[in-house]
Protein backbone atom coordinates (compact mmCIF):
# COMPACT_ATOMS: atom_id res chain seq x y z
CA MET A 1 59.16 191.63 94.95
CA ASN A 2 55.24 190.67 95.23
CA ILE A 3 53.74 188.77 98.07
CA ALA A 4 53.89 185.53 96.32
CA GLY A 5 57.67 185.99 95.72
CA ILE A 6 58.28 186.75 99.27
CA GLU A 7 56.32 183.73 100.42
CA PHE A 8 58.18 181.43 97.98
CA GLU A 9 61.63 182.84 99.22
CA GLN A 10 60.70 182.35 102.94
CA LEU A 11 59.54 178.81 101.97
CA PHE A 12 62.87 178.32 100.14
CA VAL A 13 64.82 179.70 103.01
CA ASN A 14 63.18 177.29 105.48
CA LEU A 15 64.10 174.36 103.29
CA VAL A 16 67.59 175.38 102.94
CA TYR A 17 68.02 175.79 106.77
CA ALA A 18 66.18 172.29 107.21
CA VAL A 19 68.46 170.54 104.75
CA VAL A 20 71.66 172.07 106.03
CA THR A 21 70.72 171.36 109.72
CA VAL A 22 69.78 167.89 108.97
CA THR A 23 72.93 167.30 107.14
CA PHE A 24 74.94 168.39 109.97
CA VAL A 25 73.08 166.03 112.36
CA PHE A 26 73.62 163.19 110.12
CA THR A 27 77.32 163.88 109.72
CA LEU A 28 77.52 163.71 113.60
CA ASP A 29 76.30 160.37 113.37
CA ASP A 30 79.12 159.39 111.24
CA LEU A 31 81.62 161.52 113.30
CA PHE A 32 80.70 159.51 116.33
CA ILE A 33 81.53 156.25 114.61
CA ASP A 34 84.94 157.79 113.70
CA LEU A 35 85.73 158.93 117.20
CA VAL A 36 85.02 155.68 118.73
CA ALA A 37 87.29 154.07 116.37
CA LEU A 38 89.96 156.62 116.98
CA VAL A 39 89.65 156.88 120.83
CA ARG A 40 89.46 153.08 121.04
CA ARG A 41 92.15 152.58 118.52
CA LEU A 42 90.12 150.03 116.53
CA LYS A 43 91.72 148.47 113.59
CA PRO A 44 92.07 144.99 112.05
CA ARG A 45 93.74 142.59 114.21
CA ARG A 46 97.00 141.46 113.00
CA ILE A 47 98.55 137.92 113.52
CA SER A 48 101.84 136.44 112.39
CA LEU A 49 102.34 133.52 110.18
CA LYS A 50 103.68 131.54 113.30
CA GLU A 51 100.43 132.35 115.03
CA LEU A 52 98.29 131.15 112.04
CA MET A 53 100.29 128.00 111.75
CA GLY A 54 99.56 127.37 115.56
CA MET A 55 95.89 127.70 114.79
CA THR A 56 96.19 124.81 112.33
CA GLU A 57 97.00 122.43 115.28
CA THR A 58 93.59 123.08 117.05
CA ARG A 59 91.29 120.27 116.72
CA GLN A 60 89.03 120.70 113.66
CA LYS A 61 85.56 120.90 114.07
CA ASN A 62 83.28 119.45 111.14
CA ILE A 63 81.95 122.28 109.10
CA ALA A 64 79.05 122.26 106.60
CA ILE A 65 79.38 124.93 103.98
CA MET A 66 75.93 125.85 102.57
CA ILE A 67 75.57 127.45 99.15
CA ALA A 68 72.12 128.19 97.74
CA ASN A 69 71.97 128.10 93.87
CA TRP A 70 69.57 129.42 91.21
CA LYS A 71 70.85 129.48 87.66
CA GLU A 72 74.52 129.25 88.90
CA ALA A 73 75.67 126.53 86.24
CA GLU A 74 78.36 128.86 84.93
CA VAL A 75 80.11 129.51 88.20
CA ILE A 76 79.40 126.73 90.59
CA ALA A 77 81.88 124.19 89.27
CA PRO A 78 84.99 126.50 88.97
CA MET A 79 83.96 127.92 92.35
CA ILE A 80 83.97 124.65 93.98
CA ARG A 81 87.06 123.35 92.15
CA GLY A 82 89.07 126.48 93.04
CA ASN A 83 88.11 126.57 96.62
CA ILE A 84 88.82 122.89 97.35
CA ARG A 85 92.09 123.32 95.66
CA GLY A 86 92.98 126.34 97.84
CA ILE A 87 91.41 125.55 101.23
CA LYS A 88 93.97 124.48 103.93
CA TYR A 89 91.57 122.45 106.44
CA GLU A 90 90.28 118.95 106.17
CA ASN A 91 86.91 118.53 107.96
CA TYR A 92 84.41 120.40 105.74
CA THR A 93 81.71 119.65 103.16
CA PHE A 94 80.24 121.89 100.57
CA PHE A 95 76.48 121.42 100.47
CA LEU A 96 75.11 122.69 97.07
CA GLY A 97 71.45 123.53 97.21
CA VAL A 98 69.63 123.25 93.69
CA TYR A 99 65.99 123.33 92.38
CA PRO A 100 64.58 120.49 90.52
CA ASN A 101 63.58 122.81 87.57
CA ASP A 102 67.20 124.30 87.33
CA THR A 103 68.55 121.26 85.36
CA GLU A 104 71.70 122.99 84.35
CA THR A 105 72.81 123.85 87.73
CA TRP A 106 71.62 120.42 89.07
CA ARG A 107 73.71 118.70 86.49
CA GLU A 108 76.83 120.74 87.35
CA ALA A 109 76.35 120.05 91.12
CA LYS A 110 75.95 116.37 90.54
CA ARG A 111 79.12 116.15 88.42
CA LEU A 112 80.97 117.79 91.39
CA GLU A 113 79.54 115.51 93.70
CA GLU A 114 80.89 112.60 91.76
CA LEU A 115 84.23 114.29 91.25
CA PHE A 116 84.61 115.14 94.94
CA PRO A 117 82.54 112.45 97.01
CA GLN A 118 84.10 113.49 100.19
CA ARG A 119 83.78 117.20 99.81
CA VAL A 120 80.49 117.69 98.02
CA MET A 121 76.84 116.92 98.60
CA VAL A 122 73.78 118.00 96.55
CA VAL A 123 70.57 118.90 98.14
CA VAL A 124 67.63 119.25 95.75
CA ASN A 125 64.90 121.61 96.98
CA SER A 126 61.42 120.08 97.38
CA MET A 127 60.05 123.19 95.69
CA GLN A 128 60.29 124.64 92.24
CA GLY A 129 62.60 127.40 91.89
CA PRO A 130 63.27 130.07 92.55
CA THR A 131 61.77 130.50 96.01
CA SER A 132 64.15 132.55 98.04
CA LYS A 133 67.67 132.31 99.42
CA GLY A 134 66.10 132.04 102.88
CA GLN A 135 63.87 129.13 101.94
CA MET A 136 66.61 127.25 100.13
CA LEU A 137 69.02 127.41 103.01
CA ASN A 138 66.30 126.50 105.56
CA GLU A 139 65.66 123.41 103.63
CA MET A 140 69.28 122.72 103.18
CA ALA A 141 69.83 122.93 106.92
CA ARG A 142 66.94 120.61 107.79
CA ARG A 143 68.27 117.87 105.09
CA ILE A 144 71.91 118.26 106.57
CA LEU A 145 70.76 117.54 110.01
CA GLU A 146 68.62 114.60 108.75
CA SER A 147 71.60 113.24 106.73
CA GLU A 148 73.58 112.96 109.84
CA VAL A 149 71.50 110.03 111.16
CA VAL A 150 72.39 108.01 107.99
CA SER A 151 76.02 109.00 107.58
CA GLY A 152 76.89 109.19 111.21
CA ILE A 153 78.67 112.47 110.55
CA GLN A 154 77.73 115.31 112.88
CA TYR A 155 78.36 118.88 111.84
CA ASP A 156 79.63 121.31 114.53
CA LEU A 157 79.58 124.52 112.53
CA PHE A 158 77.54 125.90 109.57
CA LEU A 159 78.91 128.28 107.11
CA MET A 160 77.05 130.42 104.68
CA GLN A 161 78.70 131.25 101.33
CA ASP A 162 77.46 132.12 97.70
CA SER A 163 78.37 130.52 94.44
CA GLU A 164 80.62 133.46 93.49
CA ASP A 165 82.82 133.43 96.58
CA VAL A 166 86.49 132.78 96.93
CA LEU A 167 87.40 131.81 100.39
CA HIS A 168 90.83 132.66 101.82
CA PRO A 169 92.82 129.50 102.33
CA TYR A 170 92.82 129.86 106.12
CA SER A 171 89.31 131.26 106.59
CA LEU A 172 88.10 127.84 107.94
CA THR A 173 91.08 127.54 110.26
CA LEU A 174 90.43 131.05 111.70
CA LEU A 175 86.84 130.18 112.11
CA ASN A 176 87.50 127.00 113.85
CA GLN A 177 89.95 128.61 116.12
CA PHE A 178 87.51 131.24 117.49
CA SER A 179 84.37 129.18 117.41
CA SER A 180 84.75 128.43 120.96
CA GLN A 181 84.35 132.13 121.85
CA SER A 182 81.13 132.94 119.90
CA GLU A 183 78.17 131.19 118.50
CA PHE A 184 77.96 133.61 115.59
CA ILE A 185 81.14 134.90 113.54
CA GLN A 186 81.32 137.12 110.57
CA ILE A 187 84.38 137.67 108.77
CA PRO A 188 85.05 140.51 106.36
CA VAL A 189 83.87 140.59 102.86
CA PHE A 190 85.70 142.30 100.12
CA SER A 191 85.52 143.00 96.46
CA PHE A 192 88.23 141.99 94.02
CA ASP A 193 90.06 144.90 92.33
CA VAL A 194 88.12 146.15 89.19
CA PRO A 195 89.15 148.47 86.40
CA LYS A 196 89.11 152.23 87.63
CA ARG A 197 86.63 152.83 84.83
CA SER A 198 84.23 150.48 86.21
CA LEU A 199 82.57 152.99 88.68
CA VAL A 200 79.59 151.12 89.78
CA ALA A 201 81.52 147.94 90.79
CA GLY A 202 84.12 150.25 92.51
CA VAL A 203 81.48 151.61 94.75
CA TYR A 204 81.41 148.28 96.51
CA ILE A 205 84.93 148.42 97.16
CA ASP A 206 84.63 151.63 98.90
CA GLU A 207 81.58 150.73 100.93
CA PHE A 208 82.61 147.28 102.10
CA SER A 209 86.19 148.49 102.92
CA GLU A 210 84.89 150.98 105.13
CA SER A 211 82.08 148.93 106.77
CA HIS A 212 84.28 145.94 107.40
CA THR A 213 87.48 147.56 108.58
CA LYS A 214 85.83 150.21 110.85
CA ASP A 215 82.06 150.37 111.31
CA LEU A 216 81.67 146.60 112.29
CA LEU A 217 84.59 146.86 114.69
CA VAL A 218 82.88 149.98 116.38
CA ARG A 219 79.55 147.98 116.57
CA GLN A 220 81.46 145.02 118.34
CA GLU A 221 83.25 147.33 120.59
CA LEU A 222 80.04 149.06 121.80
CA GLY A 223 78.38 145.62 122.33
CA ALA A 224 75.84 146.00 119.40
CA ALA A 225 74.51 143.08 117.42
CA ILE A 226 76.47 142.06 114.51
CA PRO A 227 74.72 141.67 111.31
CA SER A 228 75.40 138.83 108.88
CA ALA A 229 76.64 139.71 105.38
CA GLY A 230 75.16 136.57 103.96
CA VAL A 231 78.49 135.19 103.16
CA GLY A 232 81.44 134.47 105.48
CA THR A 233 78.98 133.83 108.14
CA LEU A 234 79.45 131.08 110.75
CA LEU A 235 76.87 129.53 113.06
CA SER A 236 77.48 127.05 115.79
CA ARG A 237 75.25 124.05 115.91
CA GLU A 238 73.51 125.23 119.16
CA LEU A 239 72.75 128.58 117.46
CA MET A 240 71.38 126.82 114.44
CA LEU A 241 69.23 124.33 116.45
CA SER A 242 67.79 127.20 118.85
CA ALA A 243 67.02 129.50 115.70
CA MET A 244 65.09 126.61 114.15
CA LEU A 245 63.29 125.68 117.41
CA LEU A 246 62.20 129.46 117.78
CA GLN A 247 61.07 129.98 114.07
CA GLY A 248 59.19 126.56 113.37
CA GLY A 249 62.09 124.69 111.97
CA HIS A 250 63.57 127.81 110.15
CA PHE A 251 66.97 129.06 111.19
CA LEU A 252 66.26 131.87 108.66
CA LYS A 253 63.39 134.16 108.36
CA GLU A 254 61.77 133.59 105.03
CA ASP A 255 59.49 136.77 104.65
CA THR A 256 62.29 139.07 104.49
CA LEU A 257 64.70 139.91 101.50
CA THR A 258 67.64 140.30 104.03
CA GLU A 259 67.29 137.06 106.01
CA ASP A 260 71.12 137.30 106.73
CA TYR A 261 70.92 140.69 108.31
CA HIS A 262 67.79 139.48 110.40
CA LEU A 263 69.73 136.41 111.48
CA GLY A 264 72.59 138.55 112.91
CA ILE A 265 70.19 140.90 114.85
CA MET A 266 68.26 138.04 116.36
CA THR A 267 71.47 136.16 117.27
CA LYS A 268 72.04 138.73 120.11
CA ILE A 269 68.31 138.92 121.10
CA MET A 270 68.32 135.22 121.68
CA GLY A 271 71.26 135.58 124.02
CA PHE A 272 74.04 134.17 121.81
CA ARG A 273 77.66 135.55 121.60
CA SER A 274 78.36 137.36 118.29
CA GLN A 275 81.80 138.42 116.93
CA PHE A 276 83.18 140.24 113.88
CA LEU A 277 86.60 138.60 113.17
CA CYS A 278 88.70 141.11 110.96
CA VAL A 279 92.08 139.66 110.81
CA GLN A 280 95.36 140.48 108.78
CA ILE A 281 98.18 138.09 108.26
CA GLU A 282 101.58 139.76 108.44
CA MET A 283 103.38 138.45 105.50
CA PRO A 284 107.04 138.71 104.57
CA ARG A 285 108.64 141.89 103.60
CA GLY A 286 105.93 143.91 105.62
CA SER A 287 102.88 143.09 103.53
CA LYS A 288 99.57 142.25 105.09
CA GLU A 289 96.65 139.98 103.84
CA PHE A 290 93.12 139.89 105.02
CA ILE A 291 91.42 136.58 105.85
CA ALA A 292 88.08 137.34 104.11
CA THR A 293 85.73 136.34 101.59
CA ARG A 294 86.34 137.84 98.21
CA GLU A 295 83.90 138.40 95.24
CA TYR A 296 82.88 140.55 92.48
CA PHE A 297 80.01 142.85 92.94
CA PRO A 298 77.59 144.02 90.09
CA SER A 299 79.29 146.50 87.56
CA ASP A 300 75.97 147.20 85.72
CA PHE A 301 74.12 150.28 87.02
CA PHE A 302 70.88 148.71 86.77
CA ALA A 303 71.95 145.53 88.48
CA SER A 304 73.33 147.40 91.23
CA ILE A 305 70.16 149.07 91.72
CA ARG A 306 68.19 145.94 91.93
CA GLN A 307 70.69 144.46 94.54
CA LYS A 308 70.64 147.48 96.62
CA SER A 309 66.98 148.01 96.51
CA ARG A 310 66.65 144.50 98.00
CA TRP A 311 68.94 145.47 100.78
CA THR A 312 67.08 148.58 101.50
CA LEU A 313 63.79 147.07 101.27
CA GLY A 314 65.00 144.16 103.78
CA ILE A 315 66.81 146.24 106.32
CA ALA A 316 64.95 149.66 106.37
CA TYR A 317 61.29 148.74 105.64
CA GLN A 318 61.03 144.91 106.52
CA GLY A 319 63.50 145.29 109.36
CA LEU A 320 61.29 147.78 111.03
CA ASP A 321 58.29 145.59 110.57
CA ASN A 322 59.90 142.40 111.93
CA ILE A 323 62.45 143.61 114.44
CA GLN A 324 60.91 146.97 115.38
CA TRP A 325 63.23 148.23 118.04
CA GLN A 326 64.36 145.49 120.16
CA GLY A 327 67.44 145.43 122.22
CA SER A 328 69.61 147.94 124.23
CA TRP A 329 70.06 151.65 123.51
CA VAL A 330 73.00 150.62 121.64
CA ASP A 331 71.16 148.14 119.55
CA ARG A 332 68.50 150.79 118.84
CA TYR A 333 71.04 153.22 117.86
CA PHE A 334 72.68 150.98 115.20
CA LEU A 335 69.05 149.93 114.16
CA LEU A 336 68.55 153.56 113.36
CA ARG A 337 71.75 153.87 111.74
CA ASP A 338 71.13 150.84 109.60
CA ARG A 339 67.64 152.11 108.55
CA LYS A 340 68.42 155.83 107.70
CA GLY A 341 69.31 154.86 104.04
CA PRO A 342 66.05 156.17 102.72
CA LEU A 343 66.41 159.32 104.74
CA ASN A 344 69.86 159.86 103.37
CA SER A 345 68.63 159.41 99.92
CA ALA A 346 65.62 162.09 100.42
CA LEU A 347 68.33 164.30 101.93
CA VAL A 348 70.33 164.00 98.70
CA ILE A 349 67.41 164.81 96.59
CA LEU A 350 66.53 167.80 98.71
CA SER A 351 70.29 169.01 98.62
CA VAL A 352 70.14 168.92 94.76
CA ILE A 353 67.00 171.04 94.81
CA VAL A 354 68.58 173.52 97.20
CA LEU A 355 71.83 173.73 95.03
CA LEU A 356 69.68 174.38 91.93
CA GLY A 357 67.42 176.89 93.83
CA LEU A 358 70.56 178.88 95.00
CA ALA A 359 71.86 178.85 91.42
CA GLY A 360 68.76 180.12 90.26
CA PHE A 361 68.76 182.99 92.80
CA ARG A 362 72.13 184.03 91.50
CA LEU A 363 71.42 183.59 87.98
CA PHE A 364 68.18 185.60 87.84
CA SER A 365 68.67 188.14 90.78
CA GLY A 366 72.42 188.25 91.22
CA ARG A 367 71.95 187.55 94.95
CA VAL A 368 71.04 184.92 97.44
CA PRO A 369 68.24 185.43 100.01
CA GLU A 370 69.07 187.97 102.54
CA MET A 371 68.07 185.46 105.41
CA LEU A 372 70.80 183.11 104.37
CA ASP A 373 73.47 185.92 104.52
CA ASN A 374 74.42 185.51 108.32
CA PRO A 375 77.03 183.76 110.60
CA VAL A 376 74.88 180.88 111.57
CA PHE A 377 74.35 179.74 108.04
CA ASP A 378 77.87 180.22 107.08
CA THR A 379 79.03 178.25 110.08
CA LEU A 380 76.86 175.25 109.17
CA ILE A 381 78.05 175.52 105.59
CA VAL A 382 81.52 175.27 106.65
CA LEU A 383 80.93 172.60 109.18
CA ASN A 384 79.18 170.27 106.59
CA ALA A 385 81.87 170.88 104.12
CA VAL A 386 84.50 169.87 106.52
CA ASN A 387 82.54 166.79 107.62
CA MET A 388 82.22 165.80 104.02
CA LEU A 389 85.80 166.02 103.36
CA LEU A 390 86.37 163.94 106.43
CA ARG A 391 83.96 161.39 105.24
CA VAL A 392 85.72 161.21 101.82
CA PHE A 393 89.08 160.83 103.67
CA GLN A 394 87.85 158.04 106.14
CA ARG A 395 86.57 156.05 103.21
CA MET A 396 89.85 156.57 101.09
CA TRP A 397 91.97 155.44 104.09
CA ALA A 398 89.60 152.33 104.41
CA VAL A 399 89.93 151.51 100.61
CA ARG A 400 93.81 152.02 101.00
CA ARG A 401 93.95 149.37 103.69
CA VAL A 402 92.09 146.85 101.60
CA ASN A 403 92.68 147.54 97.74
CA GLY A 404 95.73 150.05 97.95
CA TRP A 405 96.01 153.76 97.16
CA THR A 406 95.20 153.49 93.24
CA GLN A 407 91.70 152.46 94.09
CA ALA A 408 91.54 154.85 97.26
CA LEU A 409 92.21 157.74 94.88
CA MET A 410 88.90 156.89 92.92
CA VAL A 411 86.77 157.31 95.94
CA PRO A 412 85.74 160.91 95.48
CA VAL A 413 84.61 160.13 91.98
CA ARG A 414 82.69 157.00 93.08
CA TRP A 415 81.11 158.98 96.03
CA LEU A 416 79.00 160.63 93.42
CA VAL A 417 78.12 157.55 91.64
CA ALA A 418 77.21 155.70 95.03
CA ASN A 419 74.68 158.62 95.78
CA VAL A 420 72.98 158.25 92.43
CA VAL A 421 72.74 154.32 92.85
CA ASN A 422 71.51 154.65 96.41
CA VAL A 423 68.77 157.16 95.52
CA ALA A 424 67.57 155.05 92.79
CA ALA A 425 67.62 151.93 95.07
CA THR A 426 65.60 153.69 97.66
CA ILE A 427 63.05 154.93 95.39
CA LYS A 428 62.76 151.33 93.94
CA ALA A 429 62.60 149.80 97.37
CA HIS A 430 59.87 152.35 98.42
CA ARG A 431 57.75 151.51 95.53
CA THR A 432 58.15 147.84 96.10
CA TYR A 433 57.24 148.06 99.72
CA ARG A 434 54.24 150.00 99.00
CA HIS A 435 53.03 147.79 96.30
CA SER A 436 53.63 144.92 98.82
CA LEU A 437 51.31 146.69 101.37
CA LYS A 438 48.75 147.28 98.77
CA THR A 439 48.31 143.98 97.23
CA GLY A 440 49.41 141.72 100.04
CA GLN A 441 52.02 140.12 97.87
CA LYS A 442 55.47 139.46 99.42
CA PRO A 443 58.33 141.29 97.49
CA ALA A 444 60.09 138.71 95.27
CA TRP A 445 63.73 137.75 95.74
CA VAL A 446 65.87 138.79 92.74
CA LYS A 447 69.29 137.33 92.42
CA THR A 448 72.24 139.01 90.62
CA ASP A 449 74.40 137.58 88.01
CA HIS A 450 77.74 136.23 89.32
CA ARG A 451 81.24 135.84 88.14
CA LEU A 452 84.58 134.71 89.09
CA PRO A 453 88.19 135.69 88.54
CA ALA A 454 89.13 134.43 84.95
CA HIS A 455 91.54 131.63 86.00
CA PHE A 456 90.02 130.59 89.19
CA GLY A 457 89.08 126.89 89.60
CA LYS A 458 89.88 125.88 85.76
CA GLU A 459 89.14 122.29 85.35
CA VAL A 460 92.63 121.49 83.96
CA GLU A 461 94.12 122.40 87.44
CA VAL A 462 92.50 119.74 89.00
CA GLN A 463 93.09 117.14 86.43
CA THR A 464 96.78 117.70 86.44
CA GLN A 465 97.18 117.07 90.15
């Protein structure tokens, strides 16, 4: 072999060792979360129907449910009708934020306001749309507080939801019960079941199931800040007013694409109490039911890339700019964990290069480089393989809890799809961030298309009551 060939082989071997070693280190991070959950026996809290019914007797605080809308004319009416029909709580009002130039959504919202005068109020943005979800919600919060002077109704709690959300009938009851313990409460967000062939949408089943039945429980157990998921997030009046005072009248930071995540992190920094409330009701015959927000997530490959690139840009890039490394060592650890998405994607790309390189060596020379034929390399490969199998099993177990075994069996296939989507989303996020730095223009907020279960909130159901 010539000198150039020897140098190339050495370079390739260095790359292989770097990829295998970093992969091992990254899996230790995930293994740590698994071990904490195992040792502390963390799992969703179970309550009986009797306990739940007892919560309905607690004095009901007045809850403002805030929904920001842009081009949601097709889903907002069934969403409101279906949820009003299902919610087992009395003191709440839906506030629907609309834009003056989105006439179709505005028209649907006004019709709902007329149909449910005690349950729905419309807030028209002073700006033409679309702005951003953060700007809309900030304006809505100010207008809600201003309306209290006229109506004489004061809101104790503020709940953020989206126009495609299906609320559990007792979610407000649960939030009301625990609102005296924390100023910030996040309940789980799960995907509805989707056809097995819908691999992209199924990725959200997998990721949210694991995150919202294990990872967030570990964060809470270790005392870290609890990030908001953007929906199913409850704020006390005190937290709302304090955040607005701190940020010039805004409770959400508007120069980030993940204003919800930022809010959750800042809640702890401001000294308020946070809680992730993952509860299952023990139903008759041994079944269990999560009190959670349910929705459909994007099933289109490119729509998923757009959504996940927004999450990556907001958390990994803008989060570093805005939050930096504030908080305790536990908080900083989870900030690092939140921001390692781009590193994970880079590692996936390098792993593919390594696999192709090893295949090339086998194909053209019938061997692998001699420096890779040793016990250290073999041990790292075995450990990484075991850790990967453990990761897949952990995710399957989480999906089984939420969506059952039939969906859990799809996890290994969807694991590959998730890697492709996440890599593409990271590339898009990085390009958008670099463009923003170069031009000085803030990255635009891009919404995804929404849908509801086929028969949810059908108008005939309301008319026949």
